[in-house]
N, C-alpha and C. Protein backbone atom coordinates (compact mmCIF):
# COMPACT_ATOMS: atom_id res chain seq x y z
N MET A 1 10.04 -25.36 -25.68
CA MET A 1 11.10 -24.46 -26.05
C MET A 1 11.45 -24.69 -27.52
N VAL A 2 11.83 -23.62 -28.15
CA VAL A 2 12.25 -23.70 -29.54
C VAL A 2 13.74 -23.38 -29.57
N TRP A 3 14.50 -24.28 -30.13
CA TRP A 3 15.94 -24.10 -30.24
C TRP A 3 16.26 -23.77 -31.69
N LYS A 4 16.90 -22.64 -31.94
CA LYS A 4 17.25 -22.24 -33.30
C LYS A 4 18.76 -22.07 -33.38
N GLN A 5 19.39 -22.85 -34.24
CA GLN A 5 20.83 -22.79 -34.41
C GLN A 5 21.17 -21.56 -35.24
N GLU A 6 21.83 -20.58 -34.66
CA GLU A 6 22.21 -19.35 -35.36
C GLU A 6 23.50 -19.57 -36.15
N SER A 7 24.42 -20.27 -35.55
CA SER A 7 25.70 -20.59 -36.20
C SER A 7 26.25 -21.82 -35.48
N LYS A 8 27.44 -22.23 -35.83
CA LYS A 8 28.02 -23.40 -35.18
C LYS A 8 28.27 -23.15 -33.70
N SER A 9 28.44 -21.88 -33.31
CA SER A 9 28.75 -21.58 -31.92
C SER A 9 27.65 -20.82 -31.19
N SER A 10 26.50 -20.61 -31.83
CA SER A 10 25.46 -19.82 -31.22
C SER A 10 24.08 -20.45 -31.43
N THR A 11 23.33 -20.56 -30.34
CA THR A 11 21.96 -21.10 -30.40
C THR A 11 21.05 -20.15 -29.64
N THR A 12 19.91 -19.84 -30.21
CA THR A 12 18.91 -19.01 -29.55
C THR A 12 17.80 -19.90 -29.04
N VAL A 13 17.41 -19.68 -27.78
CA VAL A 13 16.34 -20.45 -27.18
C VAL A 13 15.20 -19.49 -26.88
N THR A 14 14.01 -19.81 -27.37
CA THR A 14 12.83 -18.99 -27.08
C THR A 14 11.71 -19.90 -26.63
N SER A 15 10.82 -19.35 -25.80
CA SER A 15 9.67 -20.14 -25.41
C SER A 15 8.60 -20.00 -26.47
N LYS A 16 7.77 -21.00 -26.60
CA LYS A 16 6.74 -21.01 -27.62
C LYS A 16 5.47 -21.59 -27.03
N ILE A 17 4.35 -20.94 -27.32
CA ILE A 17 3.06 -21.46 -26.91
C ILE A 17 2.48 -22.22 -28.09
N ILE A 18 2.25 -23.48 -27.88
CA ILE A 18 1.60 -24.31 -28.88
C ILE A 18 0.12 -24.24 -28.55
N GLN A 19 -0.72 -24.17 -29.55
CA GLN A 19 -2.14 -24.00 -29.28
C GLN A 19 -2.63 -24.97 -28.21
N ASN A 20 -3.22 -24.39 -27.16
CA ASN A 20 -3.82 -25.13 -26.05
C ASN A 20 -2.81 -25.92 -25.22
N GLU A 21 -1.56 -25.62 -25.36
CA GLU A 21 -0.54 -26.26 -24.54
C GLU A 21 0.39 -25.18 -24.01
N VAL A 22 1.07 -25.48 -22.94
CA VAL A 22 2.01 -24.53 -22.35
C VAL A 22 3.41 -25.11 -22.49
N ASP A 23 4.35 -24.27 -22.88
CA ASP A 23 5.71 -24.76 -23.07
C ASP A 23 6.42 -25.00 -21.74
N SER A 24 7.60 -25.57 -21.81
CA SER A 24 8.32 -25.93 -20.59
C SER A 24 8.74 -24.71 -19.78
N PHE A 25 8.99 -23.57 -20.42
CA PHE A 25 9.34 -22.36 -19.68
C PHE A 25 8.23 -22.02 -18.69
N HIS A 26 6.98 -22.04 -19.15
CA HIS A 26 5.86 -21.68 -18.27
C HIS A 26 5.58 -22.76 -17.23
N LEU A 27 5.78 -24.00 -17.59
CA LEU A 27 5.62 -25.08 -16.60
C LEU A 27 6.62 -24.93 -15.47
N ILE A 28 7.85 -24.61 -15.82
CA ILE A 28 8.88 -24.39 -14.81
C ILE A 28 8.52 -23.17 -13.96
N TRP A 29 8.03 -22.12 -14.62
CA TRP A 29 7.63 -20.90 -13.90
C TRP A 29 6.56 -21.20 -12.86
N TYR A 30 5.48 -21.87 -13.29
CA TYR A 30 4.40 -22.22 -12.36
C TYR A 30 4.92 -23.11 -11.24
N SER A 31 5.73 -24.08 -11.59
CA SER A 31 6.25 -25.04 -10.60
C SER A 31 7.05 -24.35 -9.52
N ARG A 32 7.80 -23.31 -9.86
CA ARG A 32 8.58 -22.56 -8.87
C ARG A 32 7.67 -22.02 -7.77
N PHE A 33 6.52 -21.49 -8.18
CA PHE A 33 5.60 -20.90 -7.22
C PHE A 33 4.94 -21.98 -6.36
N LEU A 34 4.53 -23.07 -6.99
CA LEU A 34 3.90 -24.16 -6.22
C LEU A 34 4.88 -24.78 -5.24
N TYR A 35 6.13 -24.92 -5.66
CA TYR A 35 7.16 -25.47 -4.78
C TYR A 35 7.39 -24.53 -3.59
N ALA A 36 7.49 -23.24 -3.85
CA ALA A 36 7.71 -22.26 -2.77
C ALA A 36 6.54 -22.25 -1.80
N MET A 37 5.34 -22.55 -2.31
CA MET A 37 4.16 -22.56 -1.45
C MET A 37 3.93 -23.92 -0.80
N GLN A 38 4.88 -24.83 -1.01
CA GLN A 38 4.82 -26.17 -0.44
C GLN A 38 3.52 -26.88 -0.80
N GLU A 39 3.15 -26.76 -2.07
CA GLU A 39 1.93 -27.38 -2.57
C GLU A 39 2.22 -28.79 -3.05
N PRO A 40 1.29 -29.71 -2.86
CA PRO A 40 1.50 -31.09 -3.29
C PRO A 40 1.44 -31.23 -4.81
N LEU A 41 2.15 -32.21 -5.31
CA LEU A 41 2.08 -32.55 -6.72
C LEU A 41 0.72 -33.17 -7.00
N LEU A 42 0.02 -32.67 -8.00
CA LEU A 42 -1.28 -33.22 -8.35
C LEU A 42 -1.24 -34.06 -9.62
N TYR A 43 -0.37 -33.68 -10.53
CA TYR A 43 -0.29 -34.37 -11.81
C TYR A 43 0.41 -35.72 -11.67
N ASN A 44 -0.11 -36.71 -12.37
CA ASN A 44 0.54 -38.01 -12.45
C ASN A 44 0.65 -38.71 -11.09
N ARG A 45 -0.37 -38.52 -10.27
CA ARG A 45 -0.41 -39.17 -8.98
C ARG A 45 -1.79 -39.76 -8.77
N GLN A 46 -1.82 -40.87 -8.12
CA GLN A 46 -3.10 -41.48 -7.80
C GLN A 46 -3.57 -40.91 -6.46
N LEU A 47 -4.73 -40.27 -6.49
CA LEU A 47 -5.27 -39.66 -5.29
C LEU A 47 -6.61 -40.31 -4.97
N SER A 48 -6.94 -40.36 -3.70
CA SER A 48 -8.23 -40.92 -3.29
C SER A 48 -9.21 -39.82 -2.93
N LYS A 49 -9.03 -38.65 -3.55
CA LYS A 49 -9.90 -37.51 -3.28
C LYS A 49 -10.02 -36.67 -4.55
N ILE A 50 -10.98 -35.77 -4.55
CA ILE A 50 -11.15 -34.83 -5.65
C ILE A 50 -10.50 -33.51 -5.21
N VAL A 51 -9.72 -32.92 -6.11
CA VAL A 51 -8.98 -31.71 -5.77
C VAL A 51 -9.13 -30.69 -6.89
N TYR A 52 -9.34 -29.45 -6.51
CA TYR A 52 -9.24 -28.32 -7.43
C TYR A 52 -8.25 -27.34 -6.81
N ARG A 53 -7.35 -26.82 -7.67
CA ARG A 53 -6.37 -25.86 -7.17
C ARG A 53 -6.32 -24.67 -8.12
N PHE A 54 -6.48 -23.49 -7.53
CA PHE A 54 -6.42 -22.23 -8.26
C PHE A 54 -5.13 -21.52 -7.87
N THR A 55 -4.31 -21.21 -8.85
CA THR A 55 -3.08 -20.47 -8.63
C THR A 55 -3.23 -19.12 -9.33
N TRP A 56 -2.96 -18.06 -8.60
CA TRP A 56 -3.17 -16.71 -9.11
C TRP A 56 -1.86 -15.95 -9.03
N LEU A 57 -1.28 -15.67 -10.19
CA LEU A 57 0.02 -15.00 -10.26
C LEU A 57 -0.15 -13.63 -10.91
N ARG A 58 -0.30 -12.62 -10.07
CA ARG A 58 -0.40 -11.24 -10.56
C ARG A 58 1.01 -10.65 -10.63
N THR A 59 1.30 -9.97 -11.71
CA THR A 59 2.66 -9.51 -11.98
C THR A 59 3.30 -8.81 -10.79
N PHE A 60 2.61 -7.85 -10.18
CA PHE A 60 3.21 -7.04 -9.13
C PHE A 60 2.64 -7.30 -7.74
N ASP A 61 1.81 -8.31 -7.61
CA ASP A 61 1.17 -8.59 -6.33
C ASP A 61 1.55 -9.97 -5.82
N ASN A 62 1.22 -10.21 -4.56
CA ASN A 62 1.57 -11.46 -3.91
C ASN A 62 0.89 -12.66 -4.57
N PRO A 63 1.64 -13.72 -4.83
CA PRO A 63 1.06 -14.95 -5.37
C PRO A 63 0.08 -15.59 -4.37
N VAL A 64 -0.98 -16.18 -4.92
CA VAL A 64 -2.01 -16.82 -4.11
C VAL A 64 -2.27 -18.21 -4.68
N VAL A 65 -2.45 -19.17 -3.79
CA VAL A 65 -2.91 -20.50 -4.21
C VAL A 65 -4.05 -20.91 -3.28
N ILE A 66 -5.10 -21.46 -3.90
CA ILE A 66 -6.26 -21.94 -3.15
C ILE A 66 -6.53 -23.36 -3.61
N ARG A 67 -6.61 -24.28 -2.65
CA ARG A 67 -6.83 -25.69 -2.98
C ARG A 67 -8.02 -26.21 -2.19
N ILE A 68 -8.90 -26.91 -2.88
CA ILE A 68 -10.05 -27.56 -2.23
C ILE A 68 -9.90 -29.05 -2.42
N GLU A 69 -10.04 -29.79 -1.32
CA GLU A 69 -9.95 -31.25 -1.36
C GLU A 69 -11.22 -31.86 -0.78
N ARG A 70 -11.78 -32.80 -1.52
CA ARG A 70 -12.96 -33.52 -1.02
C ARG A 70 -12.64 -35.00 -0.97
N ASP A 71 -12.85 -35.59 0.19
CA ASP A 71 -12.73 -37.04 0.34
C ASP A 71 -13.91 -37.53 1.17
N THR A 72 -13.86 -38.74 1.62
CA THR A 72 -15.01 -39.32 2.34
C THR A 72 -15.27 -38.63 3.68
N SER A 73 -14.27 -37.92 4.21
CA SER A 73 -14.46 -37.27 5.51
C SER A 73 -14.98 -35.84 5.39
N GLY A 74 -15.01 -35.26 4.20
CA GLY A 74 -15.52 -33.91 4.04
C GLY A 74 -14.75 -33.10 3.01
N VAL A 75 -14.89 -31.79 3.12
CA VAL A 75 -14.27 -30.86 2.17
C VAL A 75 -13.45 -29.85 2.95
N ILE A 76 -12.20 -29.66 2.54
CA ILE A 76 -11.31 -28.70 3.19
C ILE A 76 -10.78 -27.72 2.16
N LEU A 77 -10.79 -26.45 2.53
CA LEU A 77 -10.25 -25.37 1.71
C LEU A 77 -8.92 -24.93 2.32
N TYR A 78 -7.88 -24.87 1.51
CA TYR A 78 -6.56 -24.40 1.93
C TYR A 78 -6.23 -23.16 1.11
N TRP A 79 -5.61 -22.17 1.71
CA TRP A 79 -5.13 -21.03 0.93
C TRP A 79 -3.81 -20.54 1.49
N LYS A 80 -2.96 -20.11 0.55
CA LYS A 80 -1.63 -19.64 0.91
C LYS A 80 -1.31 -18.39 0.09
N VAL A 81 -0.53 -17.51 0.70
CA VAL A 81 -0.06 -16.30 0.03
C VAL A 81 1.42 -16.16 0.38
N THR A 82 2.20 -15.72 -0.58
CA THR A 82 3.61 -15.45 -0.30
C THR A 82 3.86 -13.95 -0.39
N ASP A 83 5.06 -13.53 0.04
CA ASP A 83 5.41 -12.11 -0.01
C ASP A 83 6.14 -11.74 -1.29
N GLY A 84 6.14 -12.63 -2.27
CA GLY A 84 6.78 -12.35 -3.55
C GLY A 84 5.86 -11.57 -4.48
N GLN A 85 6.23 -11.57 -5.76
CA GLN A 85 5.42 -10.97 -6.80
C GLN A 85 5.26 -12.00 -7.91
N GLY A 86 4.02 -12.20 -8.37
CA GLY A 86 3.71 -13.24 -9.34
C GLY A 86 4.48 -13.16 -10.64
N GLY A 87 4.92 -11.97 -11.00
CA GLY A 87 5.67 -11.81 -12.24
C GLY A 87 7.17 -11.90 -12.06
N TYR A 88 7.61 -12.14 -10.82
CA TYR A 88 9.04 -12.11 -10.55
C TYR A 88 9.50 -13.31 -9.74
N SER A 89 9.29 -13.28 -8.43
CA SER A 89 9.76 -14.40 -7.62
C SER A 89 8.67 -14.80 -6.63
N PRO A 90 8.70 -16.08 -6.23
CA PRO A 90 7.65 -16.58 -5.33
C PRO A 90 7.66 -15.96 -3.94
N GLY A 91 8.82 -15.75 -3.38
CA GLY A 91 8.89 -15.24 -2.01
C GLY A 91 8.63 -16.35 -1.00
N ASP A 92 8.36 -15.94 0.23
CA ASP A 92 8.12 -16.86 1.34
C ASP A 92 6.65 -16.82 1.73
N ILE A 93 6.17 -17.94 2.26
CA ILE A 93 4.77 -18.04 2.68
C ILE A 93 4.54 -17.09 3.86
N VAL A 94 3.50 -16.24 3.73
CA VAL A 94 3.13 -15.33 4.82
C VAL A 94 1.72 -15.63 5.33
N ILE A 95 0.92 -16.32 4.54
CA ILE A 95 -0.41 -16.76 4.98
C ILE A 95 -0.54 -18.23 4.61
N ASN A 96 -0.97 -19.04 5.56
CA ASN A 96 -1.15 -20.47 5.34
C ASN A 96 -2.34 -20.90 6.20
N ASN A 97 -3.54 -20.88 5.61
CA ASN A 97 -4.76 -21.15 6.37
C ASN A 97 -5.59 -22.27 5.75
N LYS A 98 -6.52 -22.74 6.53
CA LYS A 98 -7.47 -23.73 6.02
C LYS A 98 -8.75 -23.64 6.83
N ARG A 99 -9.83 -24.17 6.21
CA ARG A 99 -11.10 -24.27 6.91
C ARG A 99 -11.93 -25.34 6.24
N ASN A 100 -12.90 -25.86 6.98
CA ASN A 100 -13.84 -26.82 6.40
C ASN A 100 -14.85 -26.07 5.56
N LEU A 101 -15.23 -26.68 4.45
CA LEU A 101 -16.29 -26.13 3.61
C LEU A 101 -17.56 -26.91 3.84
N THR A 102 -18.67 -26.25 3.60
CA THR A 102 -19.95 -26.95 3.67
C THR A 102 -20.18 -27.68 2.35
N LEU A 103 -21.06 -28.65 2.35
CA LEU A 103 -21.39 -29.34 1.10
C LEU A 103 -22.08 -28.39 0.13
N LEU A 104 -22.78 -27.41 0.65
CA LEU A 104 -23.42 -26.40 -0.19
C LEU A 104 -22.36 -25.59 -0.95
N GLU A 105 -21.28 -25.19 -0.26
CA GLU A 105 -20.18 -24.46 -0.92
C GLU A 105 -19.50 -25.35 -1.96
N TRP A 106 -19.27 -26.61 -1.62
CA TRP A 106 -18.68 -27.56 -2.56
C TRP A 106 -19.57 -27.71 -3.79
N ASP A 107 -20.86 -27.91 -3.56
CA ASP A 107 -21.80 -28.09 -4.68
C ASP A 107 -21.84 -26.85 -5.57
N ARG A 108 -21.72 -25.67 -4.98
CA ARG A 108 -21.69 -24.43 -5.77
C ARG A 108 -20.46 -24.42 -6.68
N LEU A 109 -19.30 -24.81 -6.14
CA LEU A 109 -18.09 -24.88 -6.97
C LEU A 109 -18.28 -25.87 -8.11
N ILE A 110 -18.76 -27.05 -7.81
CA ILE A 110 -18.94 -28.08 -8.84
C ILE A 110 -19.93 -27.61 -9.90
N SER A 111 -20.96 -26.91 -9.47
CA SER A 111 -21.93 -26.36 -10.42
C SER A 111 -21.25 -25.36 -11.37
N MET A 112 -20.39 -24.52 -10.83
CA MET A 112 -19.67 -23.54 -11.65
C MET A 112 -18.70 -24.24 -12.61
N VAL A 113 -18.01 -25.26 -12.11
CA VAL A 113 -17.07 -26.03 -12.94
C VAL A 113 -17.82 -26.71 -14.08
N ASP A 114 -18.96 -27.30 -13.77
CA ASP A 114 -19.77 -27.96 -14.80
C ASP A 114 -20.31 -26.95 -15.82
N LEU A 115 -20.81 -25.83 -15.34
CA LEU A 115 -21.35 -24.80 -16.23
C LEU A 115 -20.28 -24.27 -17.18
N ALA A 116 -19.06 -24.15 -16.69
CA ALA A 116 -17.94 -23.66 -17.51
C ALA A 116 -17.40 -24.73 -18.45
N ASN A 117 -17.90 -25.97 -18.31
CA ASN A 117 -17.38 -27.08 -19.10
C ASN A 117 -15.86 -27.20 -18.90
N TYR A 118 -15.47 -27.11 -17.63
CA TYR A 118 -14.05 -27.05 -17.26
C TYR A 118 -13.20 -28.14 -17.91
N TRP A 119 -13.62 -29.36 -17.91
CA TRP A 119 -12.78 -30.47 -18.36
C TRP A 119 -12.50 -30.44 -19.86
N GLN A 120 -13.15 -29.54 -20.57
CA GLN A 120 -12.85 -29.33 -21.99
C GLN A 120 -12.41 -27.89 -22.26
N MET A 121 -12.30 -27.08 -21.22
CA MET A 121 -11.95 -25.67 -21.37
C MET A 121 -10.55 -25.52 -21.95
N ARG A 122 -10.41 -24.58 -22.86
CA ARG A 122 -9.11 -24.29 -23.46
C ARG A 122 -8.53 -23.03 -22.86
N ARG A 123 -7.23 -22.86 -23.01
CA ARG A 123 -6.54 -21.68 -22.51
C ARG A 123 -7.21 -20.43 -23.08
N ILE A 124 -7.36 -19.42 -22.24
CA ILE A 124 -7.97 -18.17 -22.64
C ILE A 124 -6.89 -17.10 -22.78
N ASP A 125 -6.78 -16.53 -23.98
CA ASP A 125 -5.80 -15.49 -24.31
C ASP A 125 -4.38 -16.02 -24.18
N SER A 126 -3.43 -15.16 -24.55
CA SER A 126 -2.04 -15.56 -24.49
C SER A 126 -1.39 -14.93 -23.26
N PHE A 127 -0.14 -15.25 -23.06
CA PHE A 127 0.59 -14.69 -21.93
C PHE A 127 0.88 -13.23 -22.21
N GLY A 128 1.03 -12.45 -21.16
CA GLY A 128 1.35 -11.04 -21.31
C GLY A 128 2.46 -10.64 -20.37
N THR A 129 2.74 -9.35 -20.33
CA THR A 129 3.82 -8.89 -19.47
C THR A 129 3.30 -8.31 -18.15
N ASP A 130 2.26 -7.51 -18.21
CA ASP A 130 1.66 -6.98 -16.99
C ASP A 130 0.21 -7.45 -16.95
N GLY A 131 -0.18 -8.05 -15.87
CA GLY A 131 -1.52 -8.61 -15.74
C GLY A 131 -1.45 -9.75 -14.74
N SER A 132 -2.20 -10.81 -15.03
CA SER A 132 -2.18 -11.94 -14.10
C SER A 132 -2.48 -13.24 -14.83
N GLU A 133 -1.89 -14.28 -14.31
CA GLU A 133 -2.12 -15.63 -14.82
C GLU A 133 -3.02 -16.34 -13.82
N TRP A 134 -4.15 -16.85 -14.31
CA TRP A 134 -5.10 -17.60 -13.51
C TRP A 134 -4.98 -19.06 -13.96
N ILE A 135 -4.61 -19.93 -13.06
CA ILE A 135 -4.38 -21.34 -13.41
C ILE A 135 -5.33 -22.19 -12.56
N LEU A 136 -6.04 -23.10 -13.21
CA LEU A 136 -6.96 -23.97 -12.49
C LEU A 136 -6.66 -25.42 -12.83
N GLU A 137 -6.36 -26.19 -11.79
CA GLU A 137 -6.11 -27.63 -11.94
C GLU A 137 -7.27 -28.40 -11.32
N GLY A 138 -7.58 -29.53 -11.91
CA GLY A 138 -8.60 -30.40 -11.36
C GLY A 138 -8.12 -31.84 -11.36
N VAL A 139 -8.41 -32.55 -10.28
CA VAL A 139 -8.05 -33.96 -10.17
C VAL A 139 -9.26 -34.73 -9.68
N GLU A 140 -9.62 -35.74 -10.43
CA GLU A 140 -10.62 -36.70 -9.98
C GLU A 140 -9.92 -38.05 -9.92
N LEU A 141 -10.63 -39.07 -9.56
CA LEU A 141 -9.99 -40.38 -9.34
C LEU A 141 -9.24 -40.89 -10.57
N THR A 142 -9.72 -40.59 -11.77
CA THR A 142 -9.09 -41.14 -12.97
C THR A 142 -8.58 -40.09 -13.94
N ARG A 143 -8.59 -38.82 -13.57
CA ARG A 143 -8.12 -37.82 -14.52
C ARG A 143 -7.58 -36.57 -13.84
N TYR A 144 -6.73 -35.87 -14.59
CA TYR A 144 -6.13 -34.61 -14.20
C TYR A 144 -6.29 -33.66 -15.38
N TYR A 145 -6.55 -32.38 -15.06
CA TYR A 145 -6.67 -31.39 -16.12
C TYR A 145 -6.18 -30.06 -15.58
N VAL A 146 -5.56 -29.28 -16.44
CA VAL A 146 -5.13 -27.94 -16.08
C VAL A 146 -5.39 -27.02 -17.26
N THR A 147 -5.83 -25.83 -16.96
CA THR A 147 -5.98 -24.80 -17.97
C THR A 147 -5.73 -23.46 -17.29
N SER A 148 -5.58 -22.43 -18.10
CA SER A 148 -5.26 -21.13 -17.53
C SER A 148 -5.85 -20.02 -18.39
N ALA A 149 -5.84 -18.84 -17.82
CA ALA A 149 -6.32 -17.65 -18.52
C ALA A 149 -5.43 -16.48 -18.14
N TRP A 150 -5.13 -15.65 -19.12
CA TRP A 150 -4.36 -14.44 -18.85
C TRP A 150 -5.35 -13.31 -18.61
N SER A 151 -5.33 -12.75 -17.40
CA SER A 151 -6.19 -11.62 -17.04
C SER A 151 -7.61 -11.78 -17.61
N PRO A 152 -8.33 -12.81 -17.16
CA PRO A 152 -9.65 -13.08 -17.74
C PRO A 152 -10.66 -11.97 -17.50
N ASP A 153 -11.58 -11.84 -18.43
CA ASP A 153 -12.68 -10.89 -18.32
C ASP A 153 -13.54 -11.25 -17.12
N GLU A 154 -14.00 -10.26 -16.39
CA GLU A 154 -14.78 -10.53 -15.17
C GLU A 154 -16.12 -11.19 -15.44
N ASN A 155 -16.56 -11.21 -16.68
CA ASN A 155 -17.81 -11.89 -17.01
C ASN A 155 -17.59 -13.34 -17.47
N SER A 156 -16.34 -13.76 -17.56
CA SER A 156 -16.05 -15.11 -18.03
C SER A 156 -16.27 -16.13 -16.92
N ASP A 157 -16.57 -17.36 -17.32
CA ASP A 157 -16.74 -18.45 -16.35
C ASP A 157 -15.46 -18.67 -15.56
N PHE A 158 -14.32 -18.55 -16.22
CA PHE A 158 -13.03 -18.76 -15.56
C PHE A 158 -12.87 -17.76 -14.42
N TYR A 159 -13.14 -16.49 -14.69
CA TYR A 159 -13.03 -15.44 -13.67
C TYR A 159 -13.99 -15.74 -12.52
N LYS A 160 -15.20 -16.13 -12.84
CA LYS A 160 -16.21 -16.37 -11.80
C LYS A 160 -15.78 -17.50 -10.86
N ILE A 161 -15.15 -18.54 -11.40
CA ILE A 161 -14.65 -19.63 -10.55
C ILE A 161 -13.55 -19.12 -9.63
N GLY A 162 -12.56 -18.41 -10.20
CA GLY A 162 -11.47 -17.88 -9.39
C GLY A 162 -11.97 -16.92 -8.32
N ASP A 163 -12.90 -16.04 -8.70
CA ASP A 163 -13.46 -15.08 -7.75
C ASP A 163 -14.22 -15.79 -6.63
N PHE A 164 -14.98 -16.82 -6.99
CA PHE A 164 -15.70 -17.60 -5.99
C PHE A 164 -14.72 -18.22 -4.98
N LEU A 165 -13.64 -18.80 -5.48
CA LEU A 165 -12.65 -19.40 -4.59
C LEU A 165 -12.00 -18.35 -3.70
N LEU A 166 -11.66 -17.20 -4.25
CA LEU A 166 -11.08 -16.13 -3.44
C LEU A 166 -12.04 -15.70 -2.33
N ASN A 167 -13.32 -15.64 -2.65
CA ASN A 167 -14.31 -15.21 -1.66
C ASN A 167 -14.57 -16.25 -0.56
N LEU A 168 -14.15 -17.49 -0.79
CA LEU A 168 -14.27 -18.51 0.26
C LEU A 168 -13.22 -18.35 1.35
N THR A 169 -12.17 -17.60 1.05
CA THR A 169 -11.08 -17.38 2.02
C THR A 169 -11.38 -16.13 2.84
N ASP A 170 -10.48 -15.84 3.77
CA ASP A 170 -10.61 -14.59 4.53
C ASP A 170 -9.70 -13.50 3.97
N LEU A 171 -9.19 -13.70 2.75
CA LEU A 171 -8.34 -12.70 2.12
C LEU A 171 -9.17 -11.48 1.76
N LYS A 172 -8.67 -10.32 2.06
CA LYS A 172 -9.36 -9.06 1.77
C LYS A 172 -8.73 -8.45 0.52
N ILE A 173 -9.30 -8.78 -0.63
CA ILE A 173 -8.77 -8.29 -1.91
C ILE A 173 -9.80 -7.38 -2.55
N LYS A 174 -9.40 -6.16 -2.83
CA LYS A 174 -10.31 -5.21 -3.46
C LYS A 174 -10.65 -5.68 -4.86
N GLU A 175 -11.87 -5.36 -5.29
CA GLU A 175 -12.31 -5.76 -6.64
C GLU A 175 -11.35 -5.25 -7.72
N VAL A 176 -10.86 -4.04 -7.56
CA VAL A 176 -9.95 -3.45 -8.55
C VAL A 176 -8.64 -4.26 -8.65
N ASP A 177 -8.28 -4.98 -7.60
CA ASP A 177 -7.04 -5.77 -7.59
C ASP A 177 -7.25 -7.20 -8.12
N LYS A 178 -8.48 -7.52 -8.52
CA LYS A 178 -8.77 -8.84 -9.08
C LYS A 178 -8.64 -8.77 -10.59
N TYR A 179 -7.42 -8.70 -11.03
CA TYR A 179 -7.16 -8.63 -12.47
C TYR A 179 -6.50 -9.89 -12.97
């Protein structure tokens, strides 16, 4: 946040995007949705598994979160949808499902993550008013990383990862609605 003193009795607060970082306004925004979806905290926690979480906040459509966890017992895919709107409020959970993934599906995801050079990927485009925020978090035993893209191009690696994760679920989302 940027605080600008207008006068002795007036201060203007605006959010600011610092290159490749997200300001506290957007962190609070994302956190509201994850909290409403009852998602676990991934940052600053020691985990004994590998986790990737995709959060999809479309301005006028239901928020979606997809989380994949791999540990010694296997790979599980979780997905949740709320009845809110990604550009406004989280709403309440209306879909809360999970299924086991095959190692082939897991390997395909890891291949896509590696091809995209995810752990060094920078934020794509800036925030907008109408569109969608695609957020991807990754946790391994010794590191955490998060990056995002505003309405990514369908040919981008970021889009391909998000689309792959969406297709692993039973959500029926038209291609035109994948913005």
